[in-house]
Amino acid sequence: MSIDDIRYRRIGYVALTVTDLEKSRHFYETLVGLKMDEEPDGECAFLRCSDRHHDLVLYKGQEPALKRVGWQMESEKALEAVRAHFGKLGIECVAVSAEERSRLGIGEAFRATEPTTGATFEFYCHMDAAPGPYEQTHTKIARLGHLVLSSPDRAATEKFLMEEMNFRVSDRIKGMVTFMRCFPNPYHHSFGVGSAKTAGLNHVNFMVTEMADVGKANNRMKKAGVPIVYGIGKHPPSESVFIYFLDPDGMTVEYSYGMEEFPEESPRTPRELPASLESIDYWEGVPDPRMAKVGILEPLK
């Protein structure tokens, strides 16, 4: 097997550690618009914006954190390819127990630590279907869109993701952020790496199907007293209209509408935009200082 055999279907799910499970569950269910099929057991809650078992897991803990990000591989061959390659690199691959896999509704899976940030990545191929279709409520969520991490060595993180995980760069904002796709997933980015003094969670994104969903969220969050920390604006790299807001722990969540898609063969060359606010927002908005400040990267246990 080679690096070319490491192929992804999508960003599978995001697991967050929250300090108040009930409050966070209520936020993501009633304000963000995710669906929960079963009541939380006091330790974790599964929510979804698709017809799969889950797209977001909330775990009760002491400090807000990105617990892990799951990558759904294209095939069993692709799953074995990343495991074998990590083994050659000396990266420990920790098998997920049968008991936990059953709880998560996934097939064979393993976890590993991304070496440049310390983030926990999980790799699997199969996820169970949900008991019923995802029914949109106030927001027409299309999918879990992407995750952005902050890295103290963005170049090293980008290099690892490209050379060892077969990610592809779509665009960069010089010295600030790299937008990457988990190949051959077509969306402009399923993962981003921002520059920061310490590694941490930057934000979690949900894509919506109508621009009106972004505008409605602006009013809904204001009425609920939820801090809006950036937007409404429009990102030049992906052409997405966006709004960022904070969850009950202060972790940053984004809604965005619209995104460039790349063909698997002969994609355009990545662009390098200048380091400026204009490269982040066509409409010249300025992010609130609270944006992307909360969320450690929980180590693999």
C-alpha atoms as a PDB file:
ATOM      1  CA  MET A   1       0.000   0.000   0.000  1.00  0.00           C
ATOM      2  CA  SER A   2       1.067   3.602  -0.607  1.00  0.00           C
ATOM      3  CA  ILE A   3       0.079   7.070   0.535  1.00  0.00           C
ATOM      4  CA  ASP A   4      -2.245   7.208  -2.495  1.00  0.00           C
ATOM      5  CA  ASP A   5      -4.332   4.431  -0.934  1.00  0.00           C
ATOM      6  CA  ILE A   6      -5.230   6.707   1.995  1.00  0.00           C
ATOM      7  CA  ARG A   7      -8.548   8.037   0.768  1.00  0.00           C
ATOM      8  CA  TYR A   8     -11.373   9.654   2.714  1.00  0.00           C
ATOM      9  CA  ARG A   9     -15.123   9.808   2.413  1.00  0.00           C
ATOM     10  CA  ARG A  10     -15.609  12.798   4.714  1.00  0.00           C
ATOM     11  CA  ILE A  11     -14.901  14.337   8.058  1.00  0.00           C
ATOM     12  CA  GLY A  12     -16.910  11.833  10.041  1.00  0.00           C
ATOM     13  CA  TYR A  13     -17.719  13.444  13.355  1.00  0.00           C
ATOM     14  CA  VAL A  14     -16.413  15.768  16.053  1.00  0.00           C
ATOM     15  CA  ALA A  15     -16.287  14.933  19.757  1.00  0.00           C
ATOM     16  CA  LEU A  16     -16.202  17.801  22.238  1.00  0.00           C
ATOM     17  CA  THR A  17     -15.708  17.819  25.994  1.00  0.00           C
ATOM     18  CA  VAL A  18     -18.121  20.217  27.697  1.00  0.00           C
ATOM     19  CA  THR A  19     -18.446  21.280  31.320  1.00  0.00           C
ATOM     20  CA  ASP A  20     -22.258  21.191  31.534  1.00  0.00           C
ATOM     21  CA  LEU A  21     -23.670  18.388  29.411  1.00  0.00           C
ATOM     22  CA  GLU A  22     -27.315  19.404  29.766  1.00  0.00           C
ATOM     23  CA  LYS A  23     -26.679  23.044  28.901  1.00  0.00           C
ATOM     24  CA  SER A  24     -24.519  22.165  25.899  1.00  0.00           C
ATOM     25  CA  ARG A  25     -26.925  19.495  24.676  1.00  0.00           C
ATOM     26  CA  HIS A  26     -29.734  22.061  24.815  1.00  0.00           C
ATOM     27  CA  PHE A  27     -27.631  24.610  22.906  1.00  0.00           C
ATOM     28  CA  TYR A  28     -26.660  22.269  20.068  1.00  0.00           C
ATOM     29  CA  GLU A  29     -30.140  20.784  19.830  1.00  0.00           C
ATOM     30  CA  THR A  30     -32.370  23.846  20.120  1.00  0.00           C
ATOM     31  CA  LEU A  31     -30.170  26.714  18.895  1.00  0.00           C
ATOM     32  CA  VAL A  32     -27.832  25.018  16.408  1.00  0.00           C
ATOM     33  CA  GLY A  33     -30.520  22.608  15.144  1.00  0.00           C
ATOM     34  CA  LEU A  34     -28.990  19.169  15.592  1.00  0.00           C
ATOM     35  CA  LYS A  35     -31.134  16.131  16.359  1.00  0.00           C
ATOM     36  CA  MET A  36     -30.735  13.861  19.371  1.00  0.00           C
ATOM     37  CA  ASP A  37     -32.278  10.398  19.174  1.00  0.00           C
ATOM     38  CA  GLU A  38     -31.710   9.312  22.781  1.00  0.00           C
ATOM     39  CA  GLU A  39     -31.516  11.184  26.041  1.00  0.00           C
ATOM     40  CA  PRO A  40     -27.952  11.633  27.371  1.00  0.00           C
ATOM     41  CA  ASP A  41     -26.822   9.044  29.900  1.00  0.00           C
ATOM     42  CA  GLY A  42     -25.154  11.673  32.069  1.00  0.00           C
ATOM     43  CA  GLU A  43     -21.758  11.132  30.483  1.00  0.00           C
ATOM     44  CA  CYS A  44     -22.267  11.849  26.764  1.00  0.00           C
ATOM     45  CA  ALA A  45     -24.831  12.914  24.181  1.00  0.00           C
ATOM     46  CA  PHE A  46     -25.007  11.983  20.483  1.00  0.00           C
ATOM     47  CA  LEU A  47     -26.379  14.538  18.019  1.00  0.00           C
ATOM     48  CA  ARG A  48     -26.682  14.545  14.261  1.00  0.00           C
ATOM     49  CA  CYS A  49     -27.376  16.658  11.185  1.00  0.00           C
ATOM     50  CA  SER A  50     -27.446  13.686   8.803  1.00  0.00           C
ATOM     51  CA  ASP A  51     -28.955  10.226   8.490  1.00  0.00           C
ATOM     52  CA  ARG A  52     -25.888   8.704  10.186  1.00  0.00           C
ATOM     53  CA  HIS A  53     -25.626   7.649  13.834  1.00  0.00           C
ATOM     54  CA  HIS A  54     -24.049  10.957  14.862  1.00  0.00           C
ATOM     55  CA  ASP A  55     -22.094  13.977  13.664  1.00  0.00           C
ATOM     56  CA  LEU A  56     -21.308  15.438  17.076  1.00  0.00           C
ATOM     57  CA  VAL A  57     -20.652  13.808  20.438  1.00  0.00           C
ATOM     58  CA  LEU A  58     -20.618  15.788  23.674  1.00  0.00           C
ATOM     59  CA  TYR A  59     -18.753  14.337  26.641  1.00  0.00           C
ATOM     60  CA  LYS A  60     -18.999  15.646  30.184  1.00  0.00           C
ATOM     61  CA  GLY A  61     -15.642  16.839  31.536  1.00  0.00           C
ATOM     62  CA  GLN A  62     -13.762  19.407  33.549  1.00  0.00           C
ATOM     63  CA  GLU A  63     -12.434  21.625  30.742  1.00  0.00           C
ATOM     64  CA  PRO A  64     -13.849  22.484  27.294  1.00  0.00           C
ATOM     65  CA  ALA A  65     -11.884  20.628  24.660  1.00  0.00           C
ATOM     66  CA  LEU A  66     -11.747  18.971  21.301  1.00  0.00           C
ATOM     67  CA  LYS A  67     -11.763  15.358  22.449  1.00  0.00           C
ATOM     68  CA  ARG A  68     -11.197  13.925  18.968  1.00  0.00           C
ATOM     69  CA  VAL A  69     -12.118  14.206  15.311  1.00  0.00           C
ATOM     70  CA  GLY A  70     -13.285  11.145  13.382  1.00  0.00           C
ATOM     71  CA  TRP A  71     -12.334  10.572   9.751  1.00  0.00           C
ATOM     72  CA  GLN A  72     -14.527   8.259   7.710  1.00  0.00           C
ATOM     73  CA  MET A  73     -12.349   6.428   5.224  1.00  0.00           C
ATOM     74  CA  GLU A  74     -13.450   5.571   1.696  1.00  0.00           C
ATOM     75  CA  SER A  75     -12.957   1.810   2.144  1.00  0.00           C
ATOM     76  CA  GLU A  76     -11.492  -0.895   4.356  1.00  0.00           C
ATOM     77  CA  LYS A  77      -8.408  -0.743   2.148  1.00  0.00           C
ATOM     78  CA  ALA A  78      -8.033   2.973   2.894  1.00  0.00           C
ATOM     79  CA  LEU A  79      -8.427   2.305   6.622  1.00  0.00           C
ATOM     80  CA  GLU A  80      -5.680  -0.316   6.523  1.00  0.00           C
ATOM     81  CA  ALA A  81      -3.490   1.982   4.426  1.00  0.00           C
ATOM     82  CA  VAL A  82      -3.464   4.763   7.018  1.00  0.00           C
ATOM     83  CA  ARG A  83      -2.915   2.275   9.839  1.00  0.00           C
ATOM     84  CA  ALA A  84       0.022   0.660   8.026  1.00  0.00           C
ATOM     85  CA  HIS A  85       1.542   4.019   7.136  1.00  0.00           C
ATOM     86  CA  PHE A  86       1.290   5.313  10.693  1.00  0.00           C
ATOM     87  CA  GLY A  87       2.917   2.094  11.855  1.00  0.00           C
ATOM     88  CA  LYS A  88       5.884   2.745   9.570  1.00  0.00           C
ATOM     89  CA  LEU A  89       6.166   6.249  11.034  1.00  0.00           C
ATOM     90  CA  GLY A  90       6.213   4.859  14.565  1.00  0.00           C
ATOM     91  CA  ILE A  91       2.874   6.463  15.439  1.00  0.00           C
ATOM     92  CA  GLU A  92       0.927   4.324  17.885  1.00  0.00           C
ATOM     93  CA  CYS A  93      -2.485   3.215  16.605  1.00  0.00           C
ATOM     94  CA  VAL A  94      -4.837   2.419  19.490  1.00  0.00           C
ATOM     95  CA  ALA A  95      -7.726   0.132  18.591  1.00  0.00           C
ATOM     96  CA  VAL A  96     -11.187   1.260  19.683  1.00  0.00           C
ATOM     97  CA  SER A  97     -12.754  -1.452  21.840  1.00  0.00           C
ATOM     98  CA  ALA A  98     -15.754  -3.430  20.642  1.00  0.00           C
ATOM     99  CA  GLU A  99     -17.817  -1.987  23.494  1.00  0.00           C
ATOM    100  CA  GLU A 100     -17.031   1.599  22.543  1.00  0.00           C
ATOM    101  CA  ARG A 101     -17.465   0.922  18.827  1.00  0.00           C
ATOM    102  CA  SER A 102     -20.927  -0.414  19.558  1.00  0.00           C
ATOM    103  CA  ARG A 103     -21.774   2.724  21.502  1.00  0.00           C
ATOM    104  CA  LEU A 104     -20.450   4.922  18.693  1.00  0.00           C
ATOM    105  CA  GLY A 105     -22.170   2.902  15.997  1.00  0.00           C
ATOM    106  CA  ILE A 106     -18.954   2.395  14.033  1.00  0.00           C
ATOM    107  CA  GLY A 107     -17.075  -0.567  12.627  1.00  0.00           C
ATOM    108  CA  GLU A 108     -13.409  -1.358  13.100  1.00  0.00           C
ATOM    109  CA  ALA A 109     -11.590   1.786  14.189  1.00  0.00           C
ATOM    110  CA  PHE A 110      -8.392   3.080  15.718  1.00  0.00           C
ATOM    111  CA  ARG A 111      -7.107   6.336  17.198  1.00  0.00           C
ATOM    112  CA  ALA A 112      -3.775   8.090  16.917  1.00  0.00           C
ATOM    113  CA  THR A 113      -2.187  11.340  18.015  1.00  0.00           C
ATOM    114  CA  GLU A 114      -1.429  13.869  15.292  1.00  0.00           C
ATOM    115  CA  PRO A 115       2.200  14.590  16.209  1.00  0.00           C
ATOM    116  CA  THR A 116       2.448  18.324  15.487  1.00  0.00           C
ATOM    117  CA  THR A 117      -0.568  19.455  17.537  1.00  0.00           C
ATOM    118  CA  GLY A 118      -1.380  16.549  19.845  1.00  0.00           C
ATOM    119  CA  ALA A 119      -4.926  16.296  18.476  1.00  0.00           C
ATOM    120  CA  THR A 120      -6.606  12.885  18.642  1.00  0.00           C
ATOM    121  CA  PHE A 121      -7.691  11.504  15.276  1.00  0.00           C
ATOM    122  CA  GLU A 122      -9.979   8.506  14.880  1.00  0.00           C
ATOM    123  CA  PHE A 123     -10.182   6.500  11.662  1.00  0.00           C
ATOM    124  CA  TYR A 124     -13.039   4.208  10.668  1.00  0.00           C
ATOM    125  CA  CYS A 125     -14.868   3.100   7.545  1.00  0.00           C
ATOM    126  CA  HIS A 126     -18.429   2.237   8.605  1.00  0.00           C
ATOM    127  CA  MET A 127     -20.975   4.139  10.698  1.00  0.00           C
ATOM    128  CA  ASP A 128     -24.468   2.859  11.431  1.00  0.00           C
ATOM    129  CA  ALA A 129     -27.485   4.625  10.010  1.00  0.00           C
ATOM    130  CA  ALA A 130     -29.663   6.658  12.347  1.00  0.00           C
ATOM    131  CA  PRO A 131     -33.044   5.232  13.383  1.00  0.00           C
ATOM    132  CA  GLY A 132     -34.783   7.713  11.102  1.00  0.00           C
ATOM    133  CA  PRO A 133     -34.139  10.589   8.708  1.00  0.00           C
ATOM    134  CA  TYR A 134     -32.664  13.868   9.891  1.00  0.00           C
ATOM    135  CA  GLU A 135     -35.529  16.341  10.100  1.00  0.00           C
ATOM    136  CA  GLN A 136     -34.447  19.948   9.730  1.00  0.00           C
ATOM    137  CA  THR A 137     -35.941  22.430  12.180  1.00  0.00           C
ATOM    138  CA  HIS A 138     -35.236  26.168  12.163  1.00  0.00           C
ATOM    139  CA  THR A 139     -32.022  25.684  10.145  1.00  0.00           C
ATOM    140  CA  LYS A 140     -31.493  23.645   7.001  1.00  0.00           C
ATOM    141  CA  ILE A 141     -28.168  22.080   7.974  1.00  0.00           C
ATOM    142  CA  ALA A 142     -26.600  20.247   5.033  1.00  0.00           C
ATOM    143  CA  ARG A 143     -23.720  18.562   6.857  1.00  0.00           C
ATOM    144  CA  LEU A 144     -20.938  18.783   9.363  1.00  0.00           C
ATOM    145  CA  GLY A 145     -18.661  20.976   7.304  1.00  0.00           C
ATOM    146  CA  HIS A 146     -15.175  21.259   8.710  1.00  0.00           C
ATOM    147  CA  LEU A 147     -12.938  21.648  11.711  1.00  0.00           C
ATOM    148  CA  VAL A 148     -10.128  24.170  12.160  1.00  0.00           C
ATOM    149  CA  LEU A 149      -7.302  23.696  14.652  1.00  0.00           C
ATOM    150  CA  SER A 150      -4.729  26.201  15.845  1.00  0.00           C
ATOM    151  CA  SER A 151      -1.107  25.073  15.613  1.00  0.00           C
ATOM    152  CA  PRO A 152       2.102  26.607  16.975  1.00  0.00           C
ATOM    153  CA  ASP A 153       3.855  25.254  13.848  1.00  0.00           C
ATOM    154  CA  ARG A 154       1.366  25.545  11.031  1.00  0.00           C
ATOM    155  CA  ALA A 155       3.909  24.586   8.374  1.00  0.00           C
ATOM    156  CA  ALA A 156       4.759  21.342  10.184  1.00  0.00           C
ATOM    157  CA  THR A 157       1.082  20.461  10.643  1.00  0.00           C
ATOM    158  CA  GLU A 158       0.349  21.174   6.997  1.00  0.00           C
ATOM    159  CA  LYS A 159       3.350  19.082   5.941  1.00  0.00           C
ATOM    160  CA  PHE A 160       2.252  16.106   8.051  1.00  0.00           C
ATOM    161  CA  LEU A 161      -1.320  16.220   6.769  1.00  0.00           C
ATOM    162  CA  MET A 162      -0.164  16.429   3.158  1.00  0.00           C
ATOM    163  CA  GLU A 163       2.725  13.995   3.173  1.00  0.00           C
ATOM    164  CA  GLU A 164       1.536  11.438   5.711  1.00  0.00           C
ATOM    165  CA  MET A 165      -2.279  11.616   5.515  1.00  0.00           C
ATOM    166  CA  ASN A 166      -2.827  12.493   1.840  1.00  0.00           C
ATOM    167  CA  PHE A 167      -4.674  15.741   2.485  1.00  0.00           C
ATOM    168  CA  ARG A 168      -4.581  18.396  -0.244  1.00  0.00           C
ATOM    169  CA  VAL A 169      -4.173  22.146   0.121  1.00  0.00           C
ATOM    170  CA  SER A 170      -6.917  24.277  -1.435  1.00  0.00           C
ATOM    171  CA  ASP A 171      -5.716  27.748  -0.386  1.00  0.00           C
ATOM    172  CA  ARG A 172      -3.571  29.552   2.160  1.00  0.00           C
ATOM    173  CA  ILE A 173      -3.708  32.964   3.761  1.00  0.00           C
ATOM    174  CA  LYS A 174      -0.020  33.793   4.165  1.00  0.00           C
ATOM    175  CA  GLY A 175       1.239  33.154   7.669  1.00  0.00           C
ATOM    176  CA  MET A 176      -2.303  32.753   9.014  1.00  0.00           C
ATOM    177  CA  VAL A 177      -4.213  29.656   7.896  1.00  0.00           C
ATOM    178  CA  THR A 178      -4.124  26.699   5.510  1.00  0.00           C
ATOM    179  CA  PHE A 179      -7.360  25.286   4.079  1.00  0.00           C
ATOM    180  CA  MET A 180      -7.186  21.562   3.301  1.00  0.00           C
ATOM    181  CA  ARG A 181      -9.452  18.840   1.987  1.00  0.00           C
ATOM    182  CA  CYS A 182      -9.380  15.174   2.995  1.00  0.00           C
ATOM    183  CA  PHE A 183      -8.803  13.781  -0.488  1.00  0.00           C
ATOM    184  CA  PRO A 184     -10.799  12.948  -2.550  1.00  0.00           C
ATOM    185  CA  ASN A 185     -13.627  14.718  -0.692  1.00  0.00           C
ATOM    186  CA  PRO A 186     -14.400  17.644  -3.021  1.00  0.00           C
ATOM    187  CA  TYR A 187     -15.240  20.456  -0.601  1.00  0.00           C
ATOM    188  CA  HIS A 188     -12.803  23.367  -0.407  1.00  0.00           C
ATOM    189  CA  HIS A 189     -11.864  22.413   3.125  1.00  0.00           C
ATOM    190  CA  SER A 190     -12.827  19.762   5.599  1.00  0.00           C
ATOM    191  CA  PHE A 191      -9.909  20.783   7.792  1.00  0.00           C
ATOM    192  CA  GLY A 192      -8.036  23.983   8.448  1.00  0.00           C
ATOM    193  CA  VAL A 193      -4.833  24.827  10.294  1.00  0.00           C
ATOM    194  CA  GLY A 194      -4.452  28.279  11.815  1.00  0.00           C
ATOM    195  CA  SER A 195      -1.345  29.829  13.316  1.00  0.00           C
ATOM    196  CA  ALA A 196      -1.312  30.377  17.079  1.00  0.00           C
ATOM    197  CA  LYS A 197       1.098  30.321  20.011  1.00  0.00           C
ATOM    198  CA  THR A 198      -0.481  27.148  21.388  1.00  0.00           C
ATOM    199  CA  ALA A 199      -2.373  24.258  19.852  1.00  0.00           C
ATOM    200  CA  GLY A 200      -6.130  24.303  20.337  1.00  0.00           C
ATOM    201  CA  LEU A 201      -9.578  24.224  18.809  1.00  0.00           C
ATOM    202  CA  ASN A 202     -10.292  27.112  16.477  1.00  0.00           C
ATOM    203  CA  HIS A 203     -13.864  26.261  15.450  1.00  0.00           C
ATOM    204  CA  VAL A 204     -16.359  23.634  14.333  1.00  0.00           C
ATOM    205  CA  ASN A 205     -18.416  24.335  11.213  1.00  0.00           C
ATOM    206  CA  PHE A 206     -21.858  23.284  10.021  1.00  0.00           C
ATOM    207  CA  MET A 207     -22.798  23.969   6.406  1.00  0.00           C
ATOM    208  CA  VAL A 208     -26.323  25.217   5.735  1.00  0.00           C
ATOM    209  CA  THR A 209     -28.378  24.984   2.560  1.00  0.00           C
ATOM    210  CA  GLU A 210     -29.791  28.507   2.368  1.00  0.00           C
ATOM    211  CA  MET A 211     -28.222  31.920   2.902  1.00  0.00           C
ATOM    212  CA  ALA A 212     -31.315  32.804   4.917  1.00  0.00           C
ATOM    213  CA  ASP A 213     -30.176  30.296   7.548  1.00  0.00           C
ATOM    214  CA  VAL A 214     -27.165  32.508   8.271  1.00  0.00           C
ATOM    215  CA  GLY A 215     -29.334  35.605   8.614  1.00  0.00           C
ATOM    216  CA  LYS A 216     -31.875  33.843  10.806  1.00  0.00           C
ATOM    217  CA  ALA A 217     -29.076  32.554  13.029  1.00  0.00           C
ATOM    218  CA  ASN A 218     -27.867  36.103  13.555  1.00  0.00           C
ATOM    219  CA  ASN A 219     -31.239  37.084  15.005  1.00  0.00           C
ATOM    220  CA  ARG A 220     -31.843  33.803  16.838  1.00  0.00           C
ATOM    221  CA  MET A 221     -28.504  33.916  18.638  1.00  0.00           C
ATOM    222  CA  LYS A 222     -28.947  37.564  19.600  1.00  0.00           C
ATOM    223  CA  LYS A 223     -32.384  36.853  21.072  1.00  0.00           C
ATOM    224  CA  ALA A 224     -30.938  33.953  23.068  1.00  0.00           C
ATOM    225  CA  GLY A 225     -28.025  36.013  24.355  1.00  0.00           C
ATOM    226  CA  VAL A 226     -25.456  33.916  22.476  1.00  0.00           C
ATOM    227  CA  PRO A 227     -22.274  35.880  21.669  1.00  0.00           C
ATOM    228  CA  ILE A 228     -21.727  36.420  17.950  1.00  0.00           C
ATOM    229  CA  VAL A 229     -17.985  36.759  17.449  1.00  0.00           C
ATOM    230  CA  TYR A 230     -17.653  37.231  13.679  1.00  0.00           C
ATOM    231  CA  GLY A 231     -19.987  37.998  10.814  1.00  0.00           C
ATOM    232  CA  ILE A 232     -22.185  38.048   8.988  1.00  0.00           C
ATOM    233  CA  GLY A 233     -19.392  38.039   6.386  1.00  0.00           C
ATOM    234  CA  LYS A 234     -18.066  36.291   3.281  1.00  0.00           C
ATOM    235  CA  HIS A 235     -14.806  34.334   3.072  1.00  0.00           C
ATOM    236  CA  PRO A 236     -12.736  34.992  -0.094  1.00  0.00           C
ATOM    237  CA  PRO A 237     -10.961  31.582  -0.118  1.00  0.00           C
ATOM    238  CA  SER A 238     -14.093  29.408  -0.112  1.00  0.00           C
ATOM    239  CA  GLU A 239     -16.721  32.002  -1.158  1.00  0.00           C
ATOM    240  CA  SER A 240     -18.763  31.001   1.913  1.00  0.00           C
ATOM    241  CA  VAL A 241     -21.113  33.373   3.717  1.00  0.00           C
ATOM    242  CA  PHE A 242     -20.513  32.899   7.438  1.00  0.00           C
ATOM    243  CA  ILE A 243     -21.415  33.655  11.020  1.00  0.00           C
ATOM    244  CA  TYR A 244     -19.471  32.556  14.109  1.00  0.00           C
ATOM    245  CA  PHE A 245     -20.897  32.276  17.613  1.00  0.00           C
ATOM    246  CA  LEU A 246     -19.934  30.770  20.961  1.00  0.00           C
ATOM    247  CA  ASP A 247     -21.307  27.665  22.637  1.00  0.00           C
ATOM    248  CA  PRO A 248     -22.001  27.642  26.414  1.00  0.00           C
ATOM    249  CA  ASP A 249     -18.318  26.916  27.189  1.00  0.00           C
ATOM    250  CA  GLY A 250     -17.065  29.619  24.828  1.00  0.00           C
ATOM    251  CA  MET A 251     -15.987  27.249  22.049  1.00  0.00           C
ATOM    252  CA  THR A 252     -16.491  28.701  18.577  1.00  0.00           C
ATOM    253  CA  VAL A 253     -19.110  27.346  16.165  1.00  0.00           C
ATOM    254  CA  GLU A 254     -19.678  28.483  12.585  1.00  0.00           C
ATOM    255  CA  TYR A 255     -22.569  28.309  10.167  1.00  0.00           C
ATOM    256  CA  SER A 256     -21.586  28.832   6.541  1.00  0.00           C
ATOM    257  CA  TYR A 257     -23.377  28.784   3.219  1.00  0.00           C
ATOM    258  CA  GLY A 258     -21.776  27.921  -0.112  1.00  0.00           C
ATOM    259  CA  MET A 259     -18.371  26.387  -0.818  1.00  0.00           C
ATOM    260  CA  GLU A 260     -16.173  25.714  -3.824  1.00  0.00           C
ATOM    261  CA  GLU A 261     -15.826  22.065  -4.843  1.00  0.00           C
ATOM    262  CA  PHE A 262     -12.739  20.487  -6.423  1.00  0.00           C
ATOM    263  CA  PRO A 263     -12.575  17.693  -9.001  1.00  0.00           C
ATOM    264  CA  GLU A 264     -10.505  14.671  -8.036  1.00  0.00           C
ATOM    265  CA  GLU A 265      -8.338  15.078 -11.134  1.00  0.00           C
ATOM    266  CA  SER A 266      -6.703  18.281 -12.383  1.00  0.00           C
ATOM    267  CA  PRO A 267      -7.845  20.632  -9.587  1.00  0.00           C
ATOM    268  CA  ARG A 268      -6.795  24.250  -9.705  1.00  0.00           C
ATOM    269  CA  THR A 269      -3.542  25.319  -8.061  1.00  0.00           C
ATOM    270  CA  PRO A 270      -3.784  26.474  -4.431  1.00  0.00           C
ATOM    271  CA  ARG A 271      -3.729  30.231  -4.003  1.00  0.00           C
ATOM    272  CA  GLU A 272      -1.772  32.174  -1.401  1.00  0.00           C
ATOM    273  CA  LEU A 273      -3.745  35.212  -0.304  1.00  0.00           C
ATOM    274  CA  PRO A 274      -2.038  38.119   1.477  1.00  0.00           C
ATOM    275  CA  ALA A 275      -2.119  38.282   5.265  1.00  0.00           C
ATOM    276  CA  SER A 276      -4.931  40.754   5.794  1.00  0.00           C
ATOM    277  CA  LEU A 277      -8.484  40.979   7.090  1.00  0.00           C
ATOM    278  CA  GLU A 278      -9.617  41.450   3.496  1.00  0.00           C
ATOM    279  CA  SER A 279      -8.411  37.914   2.772  1.00  0.00           C
ATOM    280  CA  ILE A 280     -10.692  36.593   5.511  1.00  0.00           C
ATOM    281  CA  ASP A 281     -13.798  38.667   4.840  1.00  0.00           C
ATOM    282  CA  TYR A 282     -14.803  40.431   1.621  1.00  0.00           C
ATOM    283  CA  TRP A 283     -16.980  42.694   3.745  1.00  0.00           C
ATOM    284  CA  GLU A 284     -14.066  43.792   5.964  1.00  0.00           C
ATOM    285  CA  GLY A 285     -15.491  42.600   9.265  1.00  0.00           C
ATOM    286  CA  VAL A 286     -13.282  42.294  12.340  1.00  0.00           C
ATOM    287  CA  PRO A 287     -13.488  39.192  14.561  1.00  0.00           C
ATOM    288  CA  ASP A 288     -14.290  39.533  18.253  1.00  0.00           C
ATOM    289  CA  PRO A 289     -11.228  38.796  20.444  1.00  0.00           C
ATOM    290  CA  ARG A 290     -13.161  35.924  22.054  1.00  0.00           C
ATOM    291  CA  MET A 291     -13.263  33.997  18.783  1.00  0.00           C
ATOM    292  CA  ALA A 292     -11.275  30.715  18.703  1.00  0.00           C
ATOM    293  CA  LYS A 293      -9.868  31.181  22.200  1.00  0.00           C
ATOM    294  CA  VAL A 294     -11.500  28.246  24.043  1.00  0.00           C
ATOM    295  CA  GLY A 295     -10.916  24.529  23.576  1.00  0.00           C
ATOM    296  CA  ILE A 296      -7.793  22.585  24.450  1.00  0.00           C
ATOM    297  CA  LEU A 297      -6.828  19.479  22.489  1.00  0.00           C
ATOM    298  CA  GLU A 298      -7.566  16.560  24.766  1.00  0.00           C
ATOM    299  CA  PRO A 299      -4.802  13.932  24.658  1.00  0.00           C
ATOM    300  CA  LEU A 300      -5.463  10.364  23.606  1.00  0.00           C
ATOM    301  CA  LYS A 301      -6.134   8.202  26.643  1.00  0.00           C
END
